[in-house]
Amino acid sequence: MRRRRPMFLALALLTAFAAVATSALVFAAKRPPAFYAAASRPADWDAHEQSAKLLTRVLDLQNDVRAKEEWGDTFTADELNCFFAENMGPKDGLCELLPKGFHSPRIAINGDRLKLGVMYREGFWSSVVWMELKIWLVADQVNVAAVEVCNLKAGRVPFGSQSILDKMGDVARESSIDVTWYRNKSNPVGLFKFFAKQPRPTSQVLTLEVKDGKLTIAGRSFLDGAPAAPPGVNPLPPAP
């Protein structure tokens, strides 16, 4: 029996180490990133009014795409977070727009990077799944934006990307946006094609900019029915 004590001691130490490591992993996964915690309570006292105004602007922008030759708007991260707080909590109706189990999205825009966090589940096993994105229009394509996933974590723990990328693609396709994923070195990059359900799109996105706390989108529409320039033709002058 005495000879077995070292084995039992080693097993006990291994079990204790595994328990500590697991606890540390769970704790790290449950800790939300700083930007998410800061955005969880919008600073503006009247978040409901901010949310209502933003919804009206989004609907107006959708109508402008169909009815005006030139259209566009700029949305701040604070405005978007007010809308998320009011309409996309775990019990809110618009939460159904997200994949099952996800709710309460929040964003932050620092420089040209957009951070997006979404709470997964509720209670003890909940965690914030978040990603850092870089977004730009593809120069030699029409209505195509590239989205590079620079970071993807659950809390503070690196997170497997494929299932999240698939869910992003599913949500985009419901809004008539086709998505194709590929890898640029170690980072996944998605090509998001707008107006994908239209064989000959009559609207063209000319500006899609993430910068200094703001998201700007603008473009033009061909009210006479003339289609946008075919793929492979860049309608914008080259950058200086």
C-alpha atoms as a PDB file:
ATOM      1  CA  MET A   1       0.000   0.000   0.000  1.00  0.00           C
ATOM      2  CA  ARG A   2       2.861   2.406   0.838  1.00  0.00           C
ATOM      3  CA  ARG A   3       4.280   2.034  -2.675  1.00  0.00           C
ATOM      4  CA  ARG A   4       1.046   3.324  -4.128  1.00  0.00           C
ATOM      5  CA  ARG A   5       1.117   6.572  -2.180  1.00  0.00           C
ATOM      6  CA  PRO A   6       3.381   8.396  -4.674  1.00  0.00           C
ATOM      7  CA  MET A   7       0.980   7.396  -7.476  1.00  0.00           C
ATOM      8  CA  PHE A   8      -2.044   8.627  -5.521  1.00  0.00           C
ATOM      9  CA  LEU A   9      -0.198  11.830  -4.619  1.00  0.00           C
ATOM     10  CA  ALA A  10       0.727  12.458  -8.245  1.00  0.00           C
ATOM     11  CA  LEU A  11      -2.860  11.783  -9.312  1.00  0.00           C
ATOM     12  CA  ALA A  12      -4.178  14.152  -6.645  1.00  0.00           C
ATOM     13  CA  LEU A  13      -1.774  16.894  -7.715  1.00  0.00           C
ATOM     14  CA  LEU A  14      -2.698  16.402 -11.371  1.00  0.00           C
ATOM     15  CA  THR A  15      -6.409  16.595 -10.525  1.00  0.00           C
ATOM     16  CA  ALA A  16      -5.881  19.747  -8.468  1.00  0.00           C
ATOM     17  CA  PHE A  17      -3.856  21.342 -11.273  1.00  0.00           C
ATOM     18  CA  ALA A  18      -6.572  20.464 -13.806  1.00  0.00           C
ATOM     19  CA  ALA A  19      -9.243  21.957 -11.539  1.00  0.00           C
ATOM     20  CA  VAL A  20      -7.284  25.189 -11.116  1.00  0.00           C
ATOM     21  CA  ALA A  21      -6.598  25.426 -14.858  1.00  0.00           C
ATOM     22  CA  THR A  22     -10.256  24.799 -15.694  1.00  0.00           C
ATOM     23  CA  SER A  23     -11.405  27.392 -13.184  1.00  0.00           C
ATOM     24  CA  ALA A  24      -8.980  29.934 -14.613  1.00  0.00           C
ATOM     25  CA  LEU A  25     -10.199  29.163 -18.141  1.00  0.00           C
ATOM     26  CA  VAL A  26     -13.867  29.537 -17.140  1.00  0.00           C
ATOM     27  CA  PHE A  27     -13.074  32.799 -15.322  1.00  0.00           C
ATOM     28  CA  ALA A  28     -11.221  34.185 -18.332  1.00  0.00           C
ATOM     29  CA  ALA A  29     -14.006  33.149 -20.706  1.00  0.00           C
ATOM     30  CA  LYS A  30     -16.602  34.874 -18.536  1.00  0.00           C
ATOM     31  CA  ARG A  31     -14.741  38.194 -18.268  1.00  0.00           C
ATOM     32  CA  PRO A  32     -16.160  40.585 -20.870  1.00  0.00           C
ATOM     33  CA  PRO A  33     -13.747  42.766 -22.842  1.00  0.00           C
ATOM     34  CA  ALA A  34     -13.383  46.333 -21.629  1.00  0.00           C
ATOM     35  CA  PHE A  35     -15.185  47.875 -24.609  1.00  0.00           C
ATOM     36  CA  TYR A  36     -18.253  45.674 -24.045  1.00  0.00           C
ATOM     37  CA  ALA A  37     -18.488  46.515 -20.358  1.00  0.00           C
ATOM     38  CA  ALA A  38     -18.123  50.238 -21.126  1.00  0.00           C
ATOM     39  CA  ALA A  39     -20.870  50.133 -23.775  1.00  0.00           C
ATOM     40  CA  SER A  40     -23.344  48.070 -21.741  1.00  0.00           C
ATOM     41  CA  ARG A  41     -24.819  51.219 -20.189  1.00  0.00           C
ATOM     42  CA  PRO A  42     -25.065  53.961 -22.840  1.00  0.00           C
ATOM     43  CA  ALA A  43     -23.984  57.328 -21.445  1.00  0.00           C
ATOM     44  CA  ASP A  44     -26.955  59.204 -22.906  1.00  0.00           C
ATOM     45  CA  TRP A  45     -29.766  59.343 -20.334  1.00  0.00           C
ATOM     46  CA  ASP A  46     -32.435  59.098 -23.043  1.00  0.00           C
ATOM     47  CA  ALA A  47     -31.357  55.924 -24.819  1.00  0.00           C
ATOM     48  CA  HIS A  48     -34.951  55.215 -25.864  1.00  0.00           C
ATOM     49  CA  GLU A  49     -35.164  58.455 -27.862  1.00  0.00           C
ATOM     50  CA  GLN A  50     -31.748  57.857 -29.435  1.00  0.00           C
ATOM     51  CA  SER A  51     -32.817  54.355 -30.427  1.00  0.00           C
ATOM     52  CA  ALA A  52     -36.061  55.554 -32.017  1.00  0.00           C
ATOM     53  CA  LYS A  53     -34.251  58.242 -34.013  1.00  0.00           C
ATOM     54  CA  LEU A  54     -31.687  55.747 -35.307  1.00  0.00           C
ATOM     55  CA  LEU A  55     -34.403  53.317 -36.430  1.00  0.00           C
ATOM     56  CA  THR A  56     -36.102  56.144 -38.338  1.00  0.00           C
ATOM     57  CA  ARG A  57     -32.802  57.069 -40.018  1.00  0.00           C
ATOM     58  CA  VAL A  58     -32.150  53.471 -41.058  1.00  0.00           C
ATOM     59  CA  LEU A  59     -35.629  53.190 -42.595  1.00  0.00           C
ATOM     60  CA  ASP A  60     -35.131  56.547 -44.347  1.00  0.00           C
ATOM     61  CA  LEU A  61     -31.808  55.317 -45.735  1.00  0.00           C
ATOM     62  CA  GLN A  62     -33.475  52.178 -47.108  1.00  0.00           C
ATOM     63  CA  ASN A  63     -36.093  54.339 -48.829  1.00  0.00           C
ATOM     64  CA  ASP A  64     -33.410  56.692 -50.181  1.00  0.00           C
ATOM     65  CA  VAL A  65     -31.601  53.749 -51.811  1.00  0.00           C
ATOM     66  CA  ARG A  66     -34.768  53.079 -53.801  1.00  0.00           C
ATOM     67  CA  ALA A  67     -35.847  56.653 -54.479  1.00  0.00           C
ATOM     68  CA  LYS A  68     -32.781  58.940 -54.660  1.00  0.00           C
ATOM     69  CA  GLU A  69     -29.812  59.128 -56.985  1.00  0.00           C
ATOM     70  CA  GLU A  70     -27.423  59.766 -54.083  1.00  0.00           C
ATOM     71  CA  TRP A  71     -27.831  58.494 -50.537  1.00  0.00           C
ATOM     72  CA  GLY A  72     -25.861  57.946 -47.361  1.00  0.00           C
ATOM     73  CA  ASP A  73     -25.624  58.451 -43.606  1.00  0.00           C
ATOM     74  CA  THR A  74     -23.171  58.261 -40.700  1.00  0.00           C
ATOM     75  CA  PHE A  75     -23.904  56.383 -37.493  1.00  0.00           C
ATOM     76  CA  THR A  76     -21.889  56.687 -34.290  1.00  0.00           C
ATOM     77  CA  ALA A  77     -21.019  53.764 -32.048  1.00  0.00           C
ATOM     78  CA  ASP A  78     -22.966  55.406 -29.204  1.00  0.00           C
ATOM     79  CA  GLU A  79     -26.118  55.644 -31.335  1.00  0.00           C
ATOM     80  CA  LEU A  80     -25.842  52.014 -32.370  1.00  0.00           C
ATOM     81  CA  ASN A  81     -25.268  50.870 -28.789  1.00  0.00           C
ATOM     82  CA  CYS A  82     -28.382  52.754 -27.638  1.00  0.00           C
ATOM     83  CA  PHE A  83     -30.375  50.896 -30.286  1.00  0.00           C
ATOM     84  CA  PHE A  84     -28.876  47.538 -29.262  1.00  0.00           C
ATOM     85  CA  ALA A  85     -29.588  48.215 -25.576  1.00  0.00           C
ATOM     86  CA  GLU A  86     -33.211  49.095 -26.258  1.00  0.00           C
ATOM     87  CA  ASN A  87     -34.091  46.470 -28.854  1.00  0.00           C
ATOM     88  CA  MET A  88     -31.735  43.479 -28.783  1.00  0.00           C
ATOM     89  CA  GLY A  89     -31.636  42.288 -25.181  1.00  0.00           C
ATOM     90  CA  PRO A  90     -32.393  38.619 -24.378  1.00  0.00           C
ATOM     91  CA  LYS A  91     -36.150  39.280 -24.178  1.00  0.00           C
ATOM     92  CA  ASP A  92     -36.471  41.842 -26.983  1.00  0.00           C
ATOM     93  CA  GLY A  93     -38.132  41.029 -30.282  1.00  0.00           C
ATOM     94  CA  LEU A  94     -35.274  42.133 -32.539  1.00  0.00           C
ATOM     95  CA  CYS A  95     -32.997  39.660 -30.754  1.00  0.00           C
ATOM     96  CA  GLU A  96     -34.461  37.090 -33.171  1.00  0.00           C
ATOM     97  CA  LEU A  97     -32.321  38.659 -35.908  1.00  0.00           C
ATOM     98  CA  LEU A  98     -29.272  37.112 -34.209  1.00  0.00           C
ATOM     99  CA  PRO A  99     -28.371  33.407 -34.202  1.00  0.00           C
ATOM    100  CA  LYS A 100     -30.113  31.424 -31.475  1.00  0.00           C
ATOM    101  CA  GLY A 101     -28.638  31.975 -28.012  1.00  0.00           C
ATOM    102  CA  PHE A 102     -26.993  35.317 -28.841  1.00  0.00           C
ATOM    103  CA  HIS A 103     -28.220  38.685 -27.585  1.00  0.00           C
ATOM    104  CA  SER A 104     -27.201  42.164 -26.401  1.00  0.00           C
ATOM    105  CA  PRO A 105     -24.652  43.175 -29.076  1.00  0.00           C
ATOM    106  CA  ARG A 106     -22.335  46.130 -28.459  1.00  0.00           C
ATOM    107  CA  ILE A 107     -19.717  47.801 -30.640  1.00  0.00           C
ATOM    108  CA  ALA A 108     -16.717  50.093 -30.333  1.00  0.00           C
ATOM    109  CA  ILE A 109     -14.860  51.833 -33.157  1.00  0.00           C
ATOM    110  CA  ASN A 110     -11.215  52.689 -32.555  1.00  0.00           C
ATOM    111  CA  GLY A 111      -9.370  54.143 -35.526  1.00  0.00           C
ATOM    112  CA  ASP A 112     -10.198  51.885 -38.475  1.00  0.00           C
ATOM    113  CA  ARG A 113     -11.068  48.855 -36.321  1.00  0.00           C
ATOM    114  CA  LEU A 114     -14.569  47.859 -35.293  1.00  0.00           C
ATOM    115  CA  LYS A 115     -15.025  45.676 -32.224  1.00  0.00           C
ATOM    116  CA  LEU A 116     -18.271  43.739 -32.021  1.00  0.00           C
ATOM    117  CA  GLY A 117     -19.298  41.781 -28.930  1.00  0.00           C
ATOM    118  CA  VAL A 118     -22.400  39.616 -28.465  1.00  0.00           C
ATOM    119  CA  MET A 119     -23.518  37.893 -25.270  1.00  0.00           C
ATOM    120  CA  TYR A 120     -24.045  34.146 -25.625  1.00  0.00           C
ATOM    121  CA  ARG A 121     -26.611  32.507 -23.321  1.00  0.00           C
ATOM    122  CA  GLU A 122     -27.603  33.800 -19.883  1.00  0.00           C
ATOM    123  CA  GLY A 123     -26.634  33.149 -16.284  1.00  0.00           C
ATOM    124  CA  PHE A 124     -23.500  31.419 -15.031  1.00  0.00           C
ATOM    125  CA  TRP A 125     -22.492  29.887 -18.370  1.00  0.00           C
ATOM    126  CA  SER A 126     -22.911  33.094 -20.346  1.00  0.00           C
ATOM    127  CA  SER A 127     -19.953  34.669 -22.119  1.00  0.00           C
ATOM    128  CA  VAL A 128     -19.267  37.537 -24.485  1.00  0.00           C
ATOM    129  CA  VAL A 129     -18.105  36.347 -27.898  1.00  0.00           C
ATOM    130  CA  TRP A 130     -16.339  39.241 -29.568  1.00  0.00           C
ATOM    131  CA  MET A 131     -14.295  40.031 -32.616  1.00  0.00           C
ATOM    132  CA  GLU A 132     -12.134  42.814 -33.948  1.00  0.00           C
ATOM    133  CA  LEU A 133     -12.840  43.624 -37.593  1.00  0.00           C
ATOM    134  CA  LYS A 134     -11.231  45.647 -40.345  1.00  0.00           C
ATOM    135  CA  ILE A 135     -13.660  46.652 -43.123  1.00  0.00           C
ATOM    136  CA  TRP A 136     -13.055  48.165 -46.557  1.00  0.00           C
ATOM    137  CA  LEU A 137     -14.581  48.283 -50.032  1.00  0.00           C
ATOM    138  CA  VAL A 138     -12.846  46.074 -52.584  1.00  0.00           C
ATOM    139  CA  ALA A 139     -11.386  48.415 -55.198  1.00  0.00           C
ATOM    140  CA  ASP A 140     -11.835  46.258 -58.312  1.00  0.00           C
ATOM    141  CA  GLN A 141     -15.337  44.961 -57.533  1.00  0.00           C
ATOM    142  CA  VAL A 142     -18.776  46.585 -57.387  1.00  0.00           C
ATOM    143  CA  ASN A 143     -20.800  46.354 -54.179  1.00  0.00           C
ATOM    144  CA  VAL A 144     -18.246  44.097 -52.496  1.00  0.00           C
ATOM    145  CA  ALA A 145     -16.826  44.790 -49.033  1.00  0.00           C
ATOM    146  CA  ALA A 146     -14.011  42.871 -47.377  1.00  0.00           C
ATOM    147  CA  VAL A 147     -14.253  42.084 -43.665  1.00  0.00           C
ATOM    148  CA  GLU A 148     -11.062  40.819 -42.010  1.00  0.00           C
ATOM    149  CA  VAL A 149     -11.434  39.109 -38.630  1.00  0.00           C
ATOM    150  CA  CYS A 150      -8.313  40.283 -36.779  1.00  0.00           C
ATOM    151  CA  ASN A 151      -9.281  38.839 -33.398  1.00  0.00           C
ATOM    152  CA  LEU A 152     -11.944  36.444 -32.115  1.00  0.00           C
ATOM    153  CA  LYS A 153     -12.399  35.470 -28.468  1.00  0.00           C
ATOM    154  CA  ALA A 154     -14.872  34.303 -25.859  1.00  0.00           C
ATOM    155  CA  GLY A 155     -14.205  36.675 -22.974  1.00  0.00           C
ATOM    156  CA  ARG A 156     -10.401  36.668 -22.932  1.00  0.00           C
ATOM    157  CA  VAL A 157      -9.937  33.179 -24.381  1.00  0.00           C
ATOM    158  CA  PRO A 158      -9.168  32.635 -28.121  1.00  0.00           C
ATOM    159  CA  PHE A 159     -12.193  31.118 -29.797  1.00  0.00           C
ATOM    160  CA  GLY A 160     -12.583  28.740 -32.760  1.00  0.00           C
ATOM    161  CA  SER A 161     -13.774  30.804 -35.676  1.00  0.00           C
ATOM    162  CA  GLN A 162     -15.572  28.604 -38.199  1.00  0.00           C
ATOM    163  CA  SER A 163     -18.948  28.277 -36.463  1.00  0.00           C
ATOM    164  CA  ILE A 164     -19.065  32.021 -35.780  1.00  0.00           C
ATOM    165  CA  LEU A 165     -18.132  32.833 -39.376  1.00  0.00           C
ATOM    166  CA  ASP A 166     -20.875  30.508 -40.626  1.00  0.00           C
ATOM    167  CA  LYS A 167     -23.413  32.282 -38.408  1.00  0.00           C
ATOM    168  CA  MET A 168     -22.252  35.676 -39.707  1.00  0.00           C
ATOM    169  CA  GLY A 169     -22.768  34.429 -43.251  1.00  0.00           C
ATOM    170  CA  ASP A 170     -26.255  33.142 -42.462  1.00  0.00           C
ATOM    171  CA  VAL A 171     -27.327  36.484 -40.977  1.00  0.00           C
ATOM    172  CA  ALA A 172     -25.899  38.408 -43.951  1.00  0.00           C
ATOM    173  CA  ARG A 173     -27.652  36.208 -46.530  1.00  0.00           C
ATOM    174  CA  GLU A 174     -30.999  36.946 -44.913  1.00  0.00           C
ATOM    175  CA  SER A 175     -30.339  40.596 -45.856  1.00  0.00           C
ATOM    176  CA  SER A 176     -29.522  39.793 -49.505  1.00  0.00           C
ATOM    177  CA  ILE A 177     -25.766  39.820 -48.932  1.00  0.00           C
ATOM    178  CA  ASP A 178     -23.692  36.929 -50.290  1.00  0.00           C
ATOM    179  CA  VAL A 179     -20.622  35.948 -48.255  1.00  0.00           C
ATOM    180  CA  THR A 180     -17.492  34.075 -49.318  1.00  0.00           C
ATOM    181  CA  TRP A 181     -14.750  33.314 -46.785  1.00  0.00           C
ATOM    182  CA  TYR A 182     -11.055  32.799 -47.447  1.00  0.00           C
ATOM    183  CA  ARG A 183      -7.846  33.209 -45.443  1.00  0.00           C
ATOM    184  CA  ASN A 184      -5.316  35.991 -45.677  1.00  0.00           C
ATOM    185  CA  LYS A 185      -2.308  34.481 -43.904  1.00  0.00           C
ATOM    186  CA  SER A 186      -3.736  33.586 -40.480  1.00  0.00           C
ATOM    187  CA  ASN A 187      -6.847  35.798 -40.547  1.00  0.00           C
ATOM    188  CA  PRO A 188     -10.176  34.886 -42.143  1.00  0.00           C
ATOM    189  CA  VAL A 189     -11.502  37.468 -44.615  1.00  0.00           C
ATOM    190  CA  GLY A 190     -15.092  37.566 -45.836  1.00  0.00           C
ATOM    191  CA  LEU A 191     -16.190  39.092 -49.140  1.00  0.00           C
ATOM    192  CA  PHE A 192     -19.678  40.551 -48.601  1.00  0.00           C
ATOM    193  CA  LYS A 193     -21.546  41.269 -51.843  1.00  0.00           C
ATOM    194  CA  PHE A 194     -24.462  43.688 -51.438  1.00  0.00           C
ATOM    195  CA  PHE A 195     -27.742  43.422 -53.397  1.00  0.00           C
ATOM    196  CA  ALA A 196     -26.836  39.824 -54.192  1.00  0.00           C
ATOM    197  CA  LYS A 197     -30.420  38.781 -55.008  1.00  0.00           C
ATOM    198  CA  GLN A 198     -30.665  41.350 -57.794  1.00  0.00           C
ATOM    199  CA  PRO A 199     -29.414  39.980 -61.162  1.00  0.00           C
ATOM    200  CA  ARG A 200     -28.639  43.543 -62.320  1.00  0.00           C
ATOM    201  CA  PRO A 201     -28.254  45.784 -59.248  1.00  0.00           C
ATOM    202  CA  THR A 202     -29.346  49.382 -59.770  1.00  0.00           C
ATOM    203  CA  SER A 203     -27.630  50.647 -56.610  1.00  0.00           C
ATOM    204  CA  GLN A 204     -23.949  50.976 -55.900  1.00  0.00           C
ATOM    205  CA  VAL A 205     -22.110  51.394 -52.587  1.00  0.00           C
ATOM    206  CA  LEU A 206     -19.378  54.013 -53.056  1.00  0.00           C
ATOM    207  CA  THR A 207     -18.361  54.626 -49.429  1.00  0.00           C
ATOM    208  CA  LEU A 208     -18.099  52.208 -46.533  1.00  0.00           C
ATOM    209  CA  GLU A 209     -15.878  53.656 -43.835  1.00  0.00           C
ATOM    210  CA  VAL A 210     -15.188  52.701 -40.245  1.00  0.00           C
ATOM    211  CA  LYS A 211     -13.254  55.475 -38.563  1.00  0.00           C
ATOM    212  CA  ASP A 212     -12.969  57.332 -35.245  1.00  0.00           C
ATOM    213  CA  GLY A 213     -16.155  56.143 -33.597  1.00  0.00           C
ATOM    214  CA  LYS A 214     -18.323  56.335 -36.712  1.00  0.00           C
ATOM    215  CA  LEU A 215     -19.659  54.064 -39.455  1.00  0.00           C
ATOM    216  CA  THR A 216     -20.378  55.789 -42.779  1.00  0.00           C
ATOM    217  CA  ILE A 217     -22.157  54.291 -45.776  1.00  0.00           C
ATOM    218  CA  ALA A 218     -23.047  56.140 -48.985  1.00  0.00           C
ATOM    219  CA  GLY A 219     -23.720  55.388 -52.632  1.00  0.00           C
ATOM    220  CA  ARG A 220     -25.819  56.074 -55.683  1.00  0.00           C
ATOM    221  CA  SER A 221     -28.796  54.538 -57.434  1.00  0.00           C
ATOM    222  CA  PHE A 222     -29.712  54.459 -61.106  1.00  0.00           C
ATOM    223  CA  LEU A 223     -33.359  55.518 -61.108  1.00  0.00           C
ATOM    224  CA  ASP A 224     -33.687  55.000 -64.877  1.00  0.00           C
ATOM    225  CA  GLY A 225     -32.955  51.302 -64.376  1.00  0.00           C
ATOM    226  CA  ALA A 226     -29.430  51.356 -65.779  1.00  0.00           C
ATOM    227  CA  PRO A 227     -27.346  48.772 -63.893  1.00  0.00           C
ATOM    228  CA  ALA A 228     -24.280  49.538 -61.869  1.00  0.00           C
ATOM    229  CA  ALA A 229     -20.882  49.029 -63.485  1.00  0.00           C
ATOM    230  CA  PRO A 230     -20.082  45.351 -64.107  1.00  0.00           C
ATOM    231  CA  PRO A 231     -17.732  43.428 -61.780  1.00  0.00           C
ATOM    232  CA  GLY A 232     -14.081  44.184 -62.383  1.00  0.00           C
ATOM    233  CA  VAL A 233     -14.635  47.875 -63.143  1.00  0.00           C
ATOM    234  CA  ASN A 234     -13.675  50.370 -60.448  1.00  0.00           C
ATOM    235  CA  PRO A 235     -15.956  53.454 -60.667  1.00  0.00           C
ATOM    236  CA  LEU A 236     -13.784  55.449 -58.242  1.00  0.00           C
ATOM    237  CA  PRO A 237     -10.514  57.199 -59.056  1.00  0.00           C
ATOM    238  CA  PRO A 238      -7.436  55.509 -57.613  1.00  0.00           C
ATOM    239  CA  ALA A 239      -6.278  56.662 -54.206  1.00  0.00           C
ATOM    240  CA  PRO A 240      -3.577  59.382 -54.374  1.00  0.00           C
END
